PDB file of N, CA and C in Angstrom:
ATOM      1  N   MET A   1       0.807  -1.128   0.151  1.00  0.00           N
ATOM      2  CA  MET A   1       0.075   0.154   0.004  1.00  0.00           C
ATOM      3  C   MET A   1       0.894   1.222   0.145  1.00  0.00           C
ATOM      4  N   SER A   2       0.687   2.268  -1.005  1.00  0.00           N
ATOM      5  CA  SER A   2       1.514   3.412  -1.007  1.00  0.00           C
ATOM      6  C   SER A   2       0.715   4.634   0.027  1.00  0.00           C
ATOM      7  N   ASN A   3       1.644   5.438   0.595  1.00  0.00           N
ATOM      8  CA  ASN A   3       1.221   6.425   1.256  1.00  0.00           C
ATOM      9  C   ASN A   3       2.059   7.580   0.845  1.00  0.00           C
ATOM     10  N   ILE A   4       1.762   8.558   1.333  1.00  0.00           N
ATOM     11  CA  ILE A   4       2.622   9.938   0.997  1.00  0.00           C
ATOM     12  C   ILE A   4       4.079   9.885   1.407  1.00  0.00           C
ATOM     13  N   TRP A   5       4.089   9.299   2.728  1.00  0.00           N
ATOM     14  CA  TRP A   5       5.471   9.011   3.201  1.00  0.00           C
ATOM     15  C   TRP A   5       6.451   8.364   2.397  1.00  0.00           C
ATOM     16  N   ASN A   6       6.002   7.146   1.627  1.00  0.00           N
ATOM     17  CA  ASN A   6       6.640   6.462   0.632  1.00  0.00           C
ATOM     18  C   ASN A   6       7.040   7.423  -0.767  1.00  0.00           C
ATOM     19  N   TYR A   7       6.132   8.385  -0.931  1.00  0.00           N
ATOM     20  CA  TYR A   7       6.543   9.181  -2.223  1.00  0.00           C
ATOM     21  C   TYR A   7       7.530  10.168  -1.816  1.00  0.00           C
ATOM     22  N   MET A   8       7.386  10.862  -0.348  1.00  0.00           N
ATOM     23  CA  MET A   8       8.293  11.802  -0.149  1.00  0.00           C
ATOM     24  C   MET A   8       9.747  11.442  -0.063  1.00  0.00           C
ATOM     25  N   LYS A   9       9.870   9.975   0.431  1.00  0.00           N
ATOM     26  CA  LYS A   9      10.966   9.383   0.630  1.00  0.00           C
ATOM     27  C   LYS A   9      11.710   9.213  -0.917  1.00  0.00           C
ATOM     28  N   LYS A  10      11.053   9.306  -1.915  1.00  0.00           N
ATOM     29  CA  LYS A  10      11.608   8.973  -3.249  1.00  0.00           C
ATOM     30  C   LYS A  10      11.796  10.393  -4.014  1.00  0.00           C
ATOM     31  N   THR A  11      11.492  11.289  -3.351  1.00  0.00           N
ATOM     32  CA  THR A  11      11.887  12.732  -3.866  1.00  0.00           C
ATOM     33  C   THR A  11      13.451  13.071  -3.493  1.00  0.00           C
ATOM     34  N   THR A  12      14.054  13.962  -4.207  1.00  0.00           N
ATOM     35  CA  THR A  12      15.244  14.353  -4.048  1.00  0.00           C
ATOM     36  C   THR A  12      15.265  15.669  -3.931  1.00  0.00           C
ATOM     37  N   GLN A  13      16.037  16.407  -3.062  1.00  0.00           N
ATOM     38  CA  GLN A  13      16.057  17.962  -2.972  1.00  0.00           C
ATOM     39  C   GLN A  13      17.086  18.438  -3.934  1.00  0.00           C
ATOM     40  N   ALA A  14      16.711  19.257  -4.606  1.00  0.00           N
ATOM     41  CA  ALA A  14      17.317  19.981  -5.679  1.00  0.00           C
ATOM     42  C   ALA A  14      18.756  20.294  -4.984  1.00  0.00           C
ATOM     43  N   ALA A  15      19.928  20.357  -5.660  1.00  0.00           N
ATOM     44  CA  ALA A  15      21.189  20.957  -5.271  1.00  0.00           C
ATOM     45  C   ALA A  15      20.987  22.136  -5.084  1.00  0.00           C
ATOM     46  N   ALA A  16      21.426  22.816  -3.865  1.00  0.00           N
ATOM     47  CA  ALA A  16      21.609  24.106  -3.529  1.00  0.00           C
ATOM     48  C   ALA A  16      22.910  24.825  -3.725  1.00  0.00           C
ATOM     49  N   PRO A  17      22.934  25.925  -4.080  1.00  0.00           N
ATOM     50  CA  PRO A  17      24.034  26.862  -4.246  1.00  0.00           C
ATOM     51  C   PRO A  17      25.058  26.552  -2.755  1.00  0.00           C
ATOM     52  N   ALA A  18      26.215  26.293  -3.174  1.00  0.00           N
ATOM     53  CA  ALA A  18      27.303  26.489  -1.948  1.00  0.00           C
ATOM     54  C   ALA A  18      27.733  28.135  -1.824  1.00  0.00           C
ATOM     55  N   GLU A  19      27.808  28.835  -3.030  1.00  0.00           N
ATOM     56  CA  GLU A  19      28.272  29.996  -3.193  1.00  0.00           C
ATOM     57  C   GLU A  19      27.671  30.662  -4.530  1.00  0.00           C
ATOM     58  N   ILE A  20      27.135  31.923  -4.271  1.00  0.00           N
ATOM     59  CA  ILE A  20      26.681  32.682  -5.359  1.00  0.00           C
ATOM     60  C   ILE A  20      27.483  33.890  -5.403  1.00  0.00           C
ATOM     61  N   GLU A  21      28.073  34.463  -6.585  1.00  0.00           N
ATOM     62  CA  GLU A  21      28.861  35.575  -6.443  1.00  0.00           C
ATOM     63  C   GLU A  21      28.640  36.169  -8.001  1.00  0.00           C
ATOM     64  N   ARG A  22      28.967  37.747  -7.930  1.00  0.00           N
ATOM     65  CA  ARG A  22      28.664  38.375  -9.157  1.00  0.00           C
ATOM     66  C   ARG A  22      29.641  37.863 -10.276  1.00  0.00           C
ATOM     67  N   GLY A  23      29.231  37.599 -11.280  1.00  0.00           N
ATOM     68  CA  GLY A  23      30.227  37.119 -12.450  1.00  0.00           C
ATOM     69  C   GLY A  23      30.338  38.210 -13.515  1.00  0.00           C
ATOM     70  N   GLU A  24      30.779  37.712 -14.649  1.00  0.00           N
ATOM     71  CA  GLU A  24      30.949  38.590 -15.838  1.00  0.00           C
ATOM     72  C   GLU A  24      29.819  39.295 -16.339  1.00  0.00           C
ATOM     73  N   ALA A  25      29.862  40.576 -16.696  1.00  0.00           N
ATOM     74  CA  ALA A  25      28.753  41.088 -17.565  1.00  0.00           C
ATOM     75  C   ALA A  25      27.763  41.351 -16.304  1.00  0.00           C
ATOM     76  N   GLY A  26      28.040  41.473 -15.204  1.00  0.00           N
ATOM     77  CA  GLY A  26      27.003  41.672 -14.098  1.00  0.00           C
ATOM     78  C   GLY A  26      25.956  40.521 -13.905  1.00  0.00           C
ATOM     79  N   GLY A  27      26.309  39.502 -14.232  1.00  0.00           N
ATOM     80  CA  GLY A  27      25.677  38.244 -14.144  1.00  0.00           C
ATOM     81  C   GLY A  27      25.969  37.249 -12.650  1.00  0.00           C
ATOM     82  N   LEU A  28      25.791  36.164 -12.712  1.00  0.00           N
ATOM     83  CA  LEU A  28      26.074  35.639 -11.610  1.00  0.00           C
ATOM     84  C   LEU A  28      26.851  34.230 -11.666  1.00  0.00           C
ATOM     85  N   ARG A  29      27.655  33.952 -11.182  1.00  0.00           N
ATOM     86  CA  ARG A  29      28.478  32.554 -11.040  1.00  0.00           C
ATOM     87  C   ARG A  29      28.011  31.994  -9.614  1.00  0.00           C
ATOM     88  N   VAL A  30      27.732  30.600  -9.991  1.00  0.00           N
ATOM     89  CA  VAL A  30      27.047  30.038  -8.684  1.00  0.00           C
ATOM     90  C   VAL A  30      27.930  28.534  -9.054  1.00  0.00           C
ATOM     91  N   ARG A  31      28.569  28.282  -7.406  1.00  0.00           N
ATOM     92  CA  ARG A  31      29.189  26.901  -7.204  1.00  0.00           C
ATOM     93  C   ARG A  31      28.074  26.291  -6.420  1.00  0.00           C
ATOM     94  N   TRP A  32      27.794  25.131  -6.901  1.00  0.00           N
ATOM     95  CA  TRP A  32      26.513  24.120  -6.204  1.00  0.00           C
ATOM     96  C   TRP A  32      27.318  23.248  -5.348  1.00  0.00           C
ATOM     97  N   GLN A  33      26.408  23.070  -4.468  1.00  0.00           N
ATOM     98  CA  GLN A  33      26.723  21.906  -3.454  1.00  0.00           C
ATOM     99  C   GLN A  33      27.245  20.599  -3.881  1.00  0.00           C
ATOM    100  N   ASP A  34      27.122  20.159  -5.070  1.00  0.00           N
ATOM    101  CA  ASP A  34      27.270  18.907  -5.749  1.00  0.00           C
ATOM    102  C   ASP A  34      28.691  19.121  -6.504  1.00  0.00           C
ATOM    103  N   GLY A  35      29.322  20.371  -6.541  1.00  0.00           N
ATOM    104  CA  GLY A  35      30.704  20.662  -7.230  1.00  0.00           C
ATOM    105  C   GLY A  35      30.270  21.314  -8.515  1.00  0.00           C
ATOM    106  N   ALA A  36      29.370  20.967  -9.108  1.00  0.00           N
ATOM    107  CA  ALA A  36      29.312  21.905 -10.432  1.00  0.00           C
ATOM    108  C   ALA A  36      28.977  23.566 -10.339  1.00  0.00           C
ATOM    109  N   VAL A  37      29.658  24.233 -11.282  1.00  0.00           N
ATOM    110  CA  VAL A  37      29.756  25.401 -11.214  1.00  0.00           C
ATOM    111  C   VAL A  37      28.999  25.955 -12.673  1.00  0.00           C
ATOM    112  N   THR A  38      28.025  26.961 -12.334  1.00  0.00           N
ATOM    113  CA  THR A  38      27.342  27.430 -13.679  1.00  0.00           C
ATOM    114  C   THR A  38      27.477  29.007 -13.649  1.00  0.00           C
ATOM    115  N   SER A  39      27.371  29.553 -14.610  1.00  0.00           N
ATOM    116  CA  SER A  39      27.263  30.918 -14.828  1.00  0.00           C
ATOM    117  C   SER A  39      26.424  31.675 -15.944  1.00  0.00           C
ATOM    118  N   ALA A  40      25.721  32.433 -15.714  1.00  0.00           N
ATOM    119  CA  ALA A  40      24.710  33.251 -16.312  1.00  0.00           C
ATOM    120  C   ALA A  40      24.657  34.820 -16.467  1.00  0.00           C
ATOM    121  N   SER A  41      24.548  35.355 -17.333  1.00  0.00           N
ATOM    122  CA  SER A  41      24.770  36.926 -17.690  1.00  0.00           C
ATOM    123  C   SER A  41      23.442  37.511 -17.052  1.00  0.00           C
ATOM    124  N   ALA A  42      23.398  38.797 -16.714  1.00  0.00           N
ATOM    125  CA  ALA A  42      22.161  39.478 -16.312  1.00  0.00           C
ATOM    126  C   ALA A  42      21.136  39.130 -17.362  1.00  0.00           C
ATOM    127  N   ARG A  43      21.517  39.382 -18.540  1.00  0.00           N
ATOM    128  CA  ARG A  43      20.446  39.562 -19.461  1.00  0.00           C
ATOM    129  C   ARG A  43      19.868  37.992 -19.737  1.00  0.00           C
ATOM    130  N   GLU A  44      20.709  36.808 -19.845  1.00  0.00           N
ATOM    131  CA  GLU A  44      20.072  35.609 -19.450  1.00  0.00           C
ATOM    132  C   GLU A  44      19.095  35.241 -18.507  1.00  0.00           C
ATOM    133  N   LEU A  45      19.735  35.736 -17.292  1.00  0.00           N
ATOM    134  CA  LEU A  45      18.508  35.873 -16.045  1.00  0.00           C
ATOM    135  C   LEU A  45      17.360  36.365 -16.240  1.00  0.00           C
ATOM    136  N   ARG A  46      17.583  37.727 -16.847  1.00  0.00           N
ATOM    137  CA  ARG A  46      16.276  38.565 -17.028  1.00  0.00           C
ATOM    138  C   ARG A  46      15.336  37.951 -17.957  1.00  0.00           C
ATOM    139  N   LEU A  47      15.956  37.345 -19.007  1.00  0.00           N
ATOM    140  CA  LEU A  47      15.138  36.690 -20.148  1.00  0.00           C
ATOM    141  C   LEU A  47      14.481  35.407 -19.666  1.00  0.00           C
ATOM    142  N   GLY A  48      15.182  34.769 -18.468  1.00  0.00           N
ATOM    143  CA  GLY A  48      14.723  33.533 -18.162  1.00  0.00           C
ATOM    144  C   GLY A  48      13.652  33.741 -16.949  1.00  0.00           C
ATOM    145  N   CYS A  49      13.317  34.972 -16.352  1.00  0.00           N
ATOM    146  CA  CYS A  49      12.328  35.289 -15.382  1.00  0.00           C
ATOM    147  C   CYS A  49      10.953  34.518 -15.777  1.00  0.00           C
ATOM    148  N   GLN A  50      10.513  33.927 -14.694  1.00  0.00           N
ATOM    149  CA  GLN A  50       9.073  33.127 -14.911  1.00  0.00           C
ATOM    150  C   GLN A  50       8.002  33.798 -14.045  1.00  0.00           C
ATOM    151  N   CYS A  51       8.266  35.204 -13.808  1.00  0.00           N
ATOM    152  CA  CYS A  51       6.950  35.771 -12.995  1.00  0.00           C
ATOM    153  C   CYS A  51       5.970  35.920 -13.954  1.00  0.00           C
ATOM    154  N   ALA A  52       4.878  36.317 -13.287  1.00  0.00           N
ATOM    155  CA  ALA A  52       3.619  36.179 -14.116  1.00  0.00           C
ATOM    156  C   ALA A  52       3.672  37.693 -15.070  1.00  0.00           C
ATOM    157  N   SER A  53       4.557  38.614 -15.081  1.00  0.00           N
ATOM    158  CA  SER A  53       4.731  39.564 -15.840  1.00  0.00           C
ATOM    159  C   SER A  53       5.450  39.344 -17.141  1.00  0.00           C
ATOM    160  N   CYS A  54       6.312  37.924 -17.122  1.00  0.00           N
ATOM    161  CA  CYS A  54       7.263  37.492 -18.012  1.00  0.00           C
ATOM    162  C   CYS A  54       6.611  36.415 -18.819  1.00  0.00           C
ATOM    163  N   VAL A  55       5.838  35.648 -18.133  1.00  0.00           N
ATOM    164  CA  VAL A  55       5.281  34.274 -18.398  1.00  0.00           C
ATOM    165  C   VAL A  55       3.694  34.041 -18.156  1.00  0.00           C
ATOM    166  N   ASP A  56       2.889  34.038 -19.279  1.00  0.00           N
ATOM    167  CA  ASP A  56       1.612  33.816 -18.870  1.00  0.00           C
ATOM    168  C   ASP A  56       1.297  32.567 -17.748  1.00  0.00           C
ATOM    169  N   GLU A  57       0.578  32.722 -16.780  1.00  0.00           N
ATOM    170  CA  GLU A  57       0.584  31.702 -15.627  1.00  0.00           C
ATOM    171  C   GLU A  57      -0.190  30.561 -16.091  1.00  0.00           C
ATOM    172  N   PHE A  58      -1.125  30.599 -17.096  1.00  0.00           N
ATOM    173  CA  PHE A  58      -1.823  29.344 -17.438  1.00  0.00           C
ATOM    174  C   PHE A  58      -1.489  28.714 -18.933  1.00  0.00           C
ATOM    175  N   THR A  59      -1.175  29.496 -19.784  1.00  0.00           N
ATOM    176  CA  THR A  59      -0.424  28.908 -21.018  1.00  0.00           C
ATOM    177  C   THR A  59       0.835  28.585 -20.918  1.00  0.00           C
ATOM    178  N   HIS A  60       1.315  29.515 -20.010  1.00  0.00           N
ATOM    179  CA  HIS A  60       3.192  29.405 -19.991  1.00  0.00           C
ATOM    180  C   HIS A  60       3.744  30.128 -21.215  1.00  0.00           C
ATOM    181  N   ARG A  61       2.885  30.940 -21.977  1.00  0.00           N
ATOM    182  CA  ARG A  61       3.517  31.489 -23.060  1.00  0.00           C
ATOM    183  C   ARG A  61       4.314  32.666 -22.723  1.00  0.00           C
ATOM    184  N   PRO A  62       5.578  32.873 -23.166  1.00  0.00           N
ATOM    185  CA  PRO A  62       6.300  34.024 -22.834  1.00  0.00           C
ATOM    186  C   PRO A  62       5.578  35.168 -23.091  1.00  0.00           C
ATOM    187  N   LEU A  63       5.753  36.165 -22.218  1.00  0.00           N
ATOM    188  CA  LEU A  63       5.101  37.526 -22.485  1.00  0.00           C
ATOM    189  C   LEU A  63       6.101  38.653 -22.713  1.00  0.00           C
ATOM    190  N   LEU A  64       7.387  38.249 -22.167  1.00  0.00           N
ATOM    191  CA  LEU A  64       8.456  39.410 -22.275  1.00  0.00           C
ATOM    192  C   LEU A  64       9.183  39.348 -23.722  1.00  0.00           C
ATOM    193  N   ASP A  65       9.170  40.453 -24.357  1.00  0.00           N
ATOM    194  CA  ASP A  65       9.816  40.506 -25.878  1.00  0.00           C
ATOM    195  C   ASP A  65      11.522  40.349 -25.643  1.00  0.00           C
ATOM    196  N   PRO A  66      12.182  39.589 -25.981  1.00  0.00           N
ATOM    197  CA  PRO A  66      13.657  39.634 -25.685  1.00  0.00           C
ATOM    198  C   PRO A  66      14.295  41.018 -26.182  1.00  0.00           C
ATOM    199  N   ALA A  67      13.574  41.631 -27.218  1.00  0.00           N
ATOM    200  CA  ALA A  67      14.084  42.908 -27.897  1.00  0.00           C
ATOM    201  C   ALA A  67      14.060  44.014 -26.944  1.00  0.00           C
ATOM    202  N   SER A  68      13.186  43.763 -25.828  1.00  0.00           N
ATOM    203  CA  SER A  68      12.860  44.939 -24.873  1.00  0.00           C
ATOM    204  C   SER A  68      13.936  44.744 -23.731  1.00  0.00           C
ATOM    205  N   VAL A  69      14.788  43.905 -23.679  1.00  0.00           N
ATOM    206  CA  VAL A  69      15.876  43.832 -22.576  1.00  0.00           C
ATOM    207  C   VAL A  69      17.270  44.127 -23.148  1.00  0.00           C
ATOM    208  N   ALA A  70      17.535  45.457 -22.681  1.00  0.00           N
ATOM    209  CA  ALA A  70      18.913  45.782 -23.047  1.00  0.00           C
ATOM    210  C   ALA A  70      20.092  44.888 -22.766  1.00  0.00           C
ATOM    211  N   ALA A  71      20.893  44.814 -24.020  1.00  0.00           N
ATOM    212  CA  ALA A  71      22.334  44.056 -23.735  1.00  0.00           C
ATOM    213  C   ALA A  71      22.910  44.295 -22.600  1.00  0.00           C
ATOM    214  N   ASP A  72      22.995  45.604 -21.727  1.00  0.00           N
ATOM    215  CA  ASP A  72      24.169  45.808 -20.813  1.00  0.00           C
ATOM    216  C   ASP A  72      23.123  46.031 -19.577  1.00  0.00           C
ATOM    217  N   ILE A  73      21.897  45.251 -19.569  1.00  0.00           N
ATOM    218  CA  ILE A  73      21.299  45.073 -18.210  1.00  0.00           C
ATOM    219  C   ILE A  73      22.014  44.541 -17.183  1.00  0.00           C
ATOM    220  N   ALA A  74      21.803  44.897 -15.898  1.00  0.00           N
ATOM    221  CA  ALA A  74      22.469  44.342 -14.786  1.00  0.00           C
ATOM    222  C   ALA A  74      21.719  44.079 -13.497  1.00  0.00           C
ATOM    223  N   ILE A  75      22.247  43.116 -12.535  1.00  0.00           N
ATOM    224  CA  ILE A  75      21.440  43.135 -11.467  1.00  0.00           C
ATOM    225  C   ILE A  75      21.842  44.047 -10.548  1.00  0.00           C
ATOM    226  N   ALA A  76      20.769  44.594 -10.280  1.00  0.00           N
ATOM    227  CA  ALA A  76      20.972  45.688  -9.040  1.00  0.00           C
ATOM    228  C   ALA A  76      21.080  45.290  -7.696  1.00  0.00           C
ATOM    229  N   SER A  77      20.438  44.124  -7.482  1.00  0.00           N
ATOM    230  CA  SER A  77      20.607  43.495  -5.982  1.00  0.00           C
ATOM    231  C   SER A  77      20.057  42.078  -6.111  1.00  0.00           C
ATOM    232  N   LEU A  78      20.567  41.444  -5.189  1.00  0.00           N
ATOM    233  CA  LEU A  78      20.069  40.083  -4.873  1.00  0.00           C
ATOM    234  C   LEU A  78      19.780  39.637  -3.644  1.00  0.00           C
ATOM    235  N   ASP A  79      18.701  39.031  -3.065  1.00  0.00           N
ATOM    236  CA  ASP A  79      18.510  38.601  -1.718  1.00  0.00           C
ATOM    237  C   ASP A  79      18.021  37.130  -1.730  1.00  0.00           C
ATOM    238  N   PRO A  80      18.292  36.388  -0.557  1.00  0.00           N
ATOM    239  CA  PRO A  80      17.643  35.114  -0.577  1.00  0.00           C
ATOM    240  C   PRO A  80      16.197  34.836  -0.133  1.00  0.00           C
ATOM    241  N   VAL A  81      15.960  34.236  -0.759  1.00  0.00           N
ATOM    242  CA  VAL A  81      14.257  33.835  -0.473  1.00  0.00           C
ATOM    243  C   VAL A  81      14.390  32.373   0.344  1.00  0.00           C
ATOM    244  N   GLY A  82      14.175  32.285   1.503  1.00  0.00           N
ATOM    245  CA  GLY A  82      14.425  31.025   2.303  1.00  0.00           C
ATOM    246  C   GLY A  82      15.578  30.215   1.820  1.00  0.00           C
ATOM    247  N   ASN A  83      15.444  29.028   1.790  1.00  0.00           N
ATOM    248  CA  ASN A  83      16.578  28.163   1.473  1.00  0.00           C
ATOM    249  C   ASN A  83      16.250  27.675   0.099  1.00  0.00           C
ATOM    250  N   TYR A  84      15.372  28.077  -0.656  1.00  0.00           N
ATOM    251  CA  TYR A  84      14.999  27.547  -1.893  1.00  0.00           C
ATOM    252  C   TYR A  84      15.315  28.509  -3.293  1.00  0.00           C
ATOM    253  N   ALA A  85      15.547  29.638  -3.384  1.00  0.00           N
ATOM    254  CA  ALA A  85      15.465  30.846  -4.225  1.00  0.00           C
ATOM    255  C   ALA A  85      16.322  31.895  -3.826  1.00  0.00           C
ATOM    256  N   ILE A  86      16.399  32.734  -4.799  1.00  0.00           N
ATOM    257  CA  ILE A  86      16.955  34.237  -4.667  1.00  0.00           C
ATOM    258  C   ILE A  86      15.948  35.139  -5.418  1.00  0.00           C
ATOM    259  N   HIS A  87      16.112  36.177  -5.121  1.00  0.00           N
ATOM    260  CA  HIS A  87      15.308  37.329  -5.641  1.00  0.00           C
ATOM    261  C   HIS A  87      16.013  38.402  -6.303  1.00  0.00           C
ATOM    262  N   LEU A  88      15.981  38.560  -7.550  1.00  0.00           N
ATOM    263  CA  LEU A  88      16.760  39.364  -8.451  1.00  0.00           C
ATOM    264  C   LEU A  88      16.008  40.710  -8.521  1.00  0.00           C
ATOM    265  N   VAL A  89      16.622  41.732  -8.335  1.00  0.00           N
ATOM    266  CA  VAL A  89      16.268  43.042  -9.025  1.00  0.00           C
ATOM    267  C   VAL A  89      17.071  43.636 -10.117  1.00  0.00           C
ATOM    268  N   PHE A  90      16.603  44.157 -11.259  1.00  0.00           N
ATOM    269  CA  PHE A  90      17.465  44.348 -12.554  1.00  0.00           C
ATOM    270  C   PHE A  90      17.443  45.822 -12.502  1.00  0.00           C
ATOM    271  N   SER A  91      18.240  46.323 -13.402  1.00  0.00           N
ATOM    272  CA  SER A  91      18.682  47.688 -13.589  1.00  0.00           C
ATOM    273  C   SER A  91      17.703  48.373 -14.343  1.00  0.00           C
ATOM    274  N   ASP A  92      16.805  47.352 -15.034  1.00  0.00           N
ATOM    275  CA  ASP A  92      15.709  48.055 -15.846  1.00  0.00           C
ATOM    276  C   ASP A  92      14.324  48.077 -14.835  1.00  0.00           C
ATOM    277  N   GLY A  93      14.430  48.034 -13.474  1.00  0.00           N
ATOM    278  CA  GLY A  93      13.508  48.254 -12.593  1.00  0.00           C
ATOM    279  C   GLY A  93      12.739  46.720 -12.419  1.00  0.00           C
ATOM    280  N   HIS A  94      12.972  45.821 -13.152  1.00  0.00           N
ATOM    281  CA  HIS A  94      12.211  44.362 -12.977  1.00  0.00           C
ATOM    282  C   HIS A  94      12.471  44.043 -11.668  1.00  0.00           C
ATOM    283  N   ASP A  95      11.581  43.678 -10.853  1.00  0.00           N
ATOM    284  CA  ASP A  95      11.743  43.327  -9.571  1.00  0.00           C
ATOM    285  C   ASP A  95      10.906  42.203  -8.946  1.00  0.00           C
ATOM    286  N   SER A  96      10.163  41.524  -9.931  1.00  0.00           N
ATOM    287  CA  SER A  96       8.997  40.441  -9.238  1.00  0.00           C
ATOM    288  C   SER A  96       9.456  38.959  -9.582  1.00  0.00           C
ATOM    289  N   GLY A  97      10.759  38.929 -10.145  1.00  0.00           N
ATOM    290  CA  GLY A  97      11.093  37.463 -10.187  1.00  0.00           C
ATOM    291  C   GLY A  97      11.808  36.528  -9.177  1.00  0.00           C
ATOM    292  N   ILE A  98      11.549  35.422  -9.070  1.00  0.00           N
ATOM    293  CA  ILE A  98      11.905  34.627  -7.955  1.00  0.00           C
ATOM    294  C   ILE A  98      12.767  33.535  -8.533  1.00  0.00           C
ATOM    295  N   TYR A  99      14.045  33.227  -8.398  1.00  0.00           N
ATOM    296  CA  TYR A  99      14.617  32.247  -8.973  1.00  0.00           C
ATOM    297  C   TYR A  99      15.076  30.908  -7.931  1.00  0.00           C
ATOM    298  N   ALA A 100      14.020  30.247  -8.031  1.00  0.00           N
ATOM    299  CA  ALA A 100      14.525  28.982  -7.346  1.00  0.00           C
ATOM    300  C   ALA A 100      15.501  28.180  -7.885  1.00  0.00           C
ATOM    301  N   TRP A 101      16.193  27.272  -7.003  1.00  0.00           N
ATOM    302  CA  TRP A 101      17.412  26.797  -7.397  1.00  0.00           C
ATOM    303  C   TRP A 101      17.487  26.051  -8.730  1.00  0.00           C
ATOM    304  N   PRO A 102      16.274  25.175  -9.070  1.00  0.00           N
ATOM    305  CA  PRO A 102      16.264  24.479 -10.429  1.00  0.00           C
ATOM    306  C   PRO A 102      16.108  25.340 -11.649  1.00  0.00           C
ATOM    307  N   LEU A 103      15.567  26.400 -11.210  1.00  0.00           N
ATOM    308  CA  LEU A 103      15.461  27.520 -12.333  1.00  0.00           C
ATOM    309  C   LEU A 103      16.911  28.174 -12.752  1.00  0.00           C
ATOM    310  N   LEU A 104      17.434  28.491 -11.605  1.00  0.00           N
ATOM    311  CA  LEU A 104      19.009  29.343 -11.534  1.00  0.00           C
ATOM    312  C   LEU A 104      19.693  28.261 -12.298  1.00  0.00           C
ATOM    313  N   ARG A 105      19.798  26.816 -11.954  1.00  0.00           N
ATOM    314  CA  ARG A 105      20.705  26.010 -12.241  1.00  0.00           C
ATOM    315  C   ARG A 105      20.389  25.914 -14.092  1.00  0.00           C
ATOM    316  N   SER A 106      19.281  25.765 -14.493  1.00  0.00           N
ATOM    317  CA  SER A 106      19.063  25.476 -15.771  1.00  0.00           C
ATOM    318  C   SER A 106      19.325  26.660 -16.495  1.00  0.00           C
ATOM    319  N   LEU A 107      19.372  27.931 -15.923  1.00  0.00           N
ATOM    320  CA  LEU A 107      19.424  29.110 -16.795  1.00  0.00           C
ATOM    321  C   LEU A 107      21.284  29.305 -17.033  1.00  0.00           C
ATOM    322  N   GLY A 108      21.906  28.691 -16.203  1.00  0.00           N
ATOM    323  CA  GLY A 108      23.282  28.840 -16.338  1.00  0.00           C
ATOM    324  C   GLY A 108      23.952  27.770 -17.269  1.00  0.00           C
ATOM    325  N   LYS A 109      25.166  28.448 -17.414  1.00  0.00           N
ATOM    326  CA  LYS A 109      25.995  27.407 -18.460  1.00  0.00           C
ATOM    327  C   LYS A 109      27.319  27.109 -17.474  1.00  0.00           C
ATOM    328  N   ALA A 110      27.682  25.801 -17.884  1.00  0.00           N
ATOM    329  CA  ALA A 110      28.993  25.178 -16.851  1.00  0.00           C
ATOM    330  C   ALA A 110      30.011  26.048 -17.150  1.00  0.00           C
ATOM    331  N   GLY A 111      30.707  25.969 -15.965  1.00  0.00           N
ATOM    332  CA  GLY A 111      32.015  26.781 -16.087  1.00  0.00           C
ATOM    333  C   GLY A 111      32.130  28.095 -15.387  1.00  0.00           C
TER     334      GLY A 111
END
């Protein structure tokens, strides 16, 4: 017989960052607890935002026009959100995105 505890035991926690630092082009460089290192530019992170202003909540259709994001956009500030994400504020004033660890990792490139 299956119960919720059996399901929960099978799930794995996403790898969390061991260190997050400002990288090239105003982006982020992340060293993960599993040893991987990823980096993403501020523009890549801004284009990857999954907030309701950037992605339709029901259809998941992108709402953000990539042409509207400046090439020289920067991260103005970043703050932790619990033990599962960071909140980024961008130089264009966008401040509603929360980047959970799996999203942050998927937006980064190895290295």
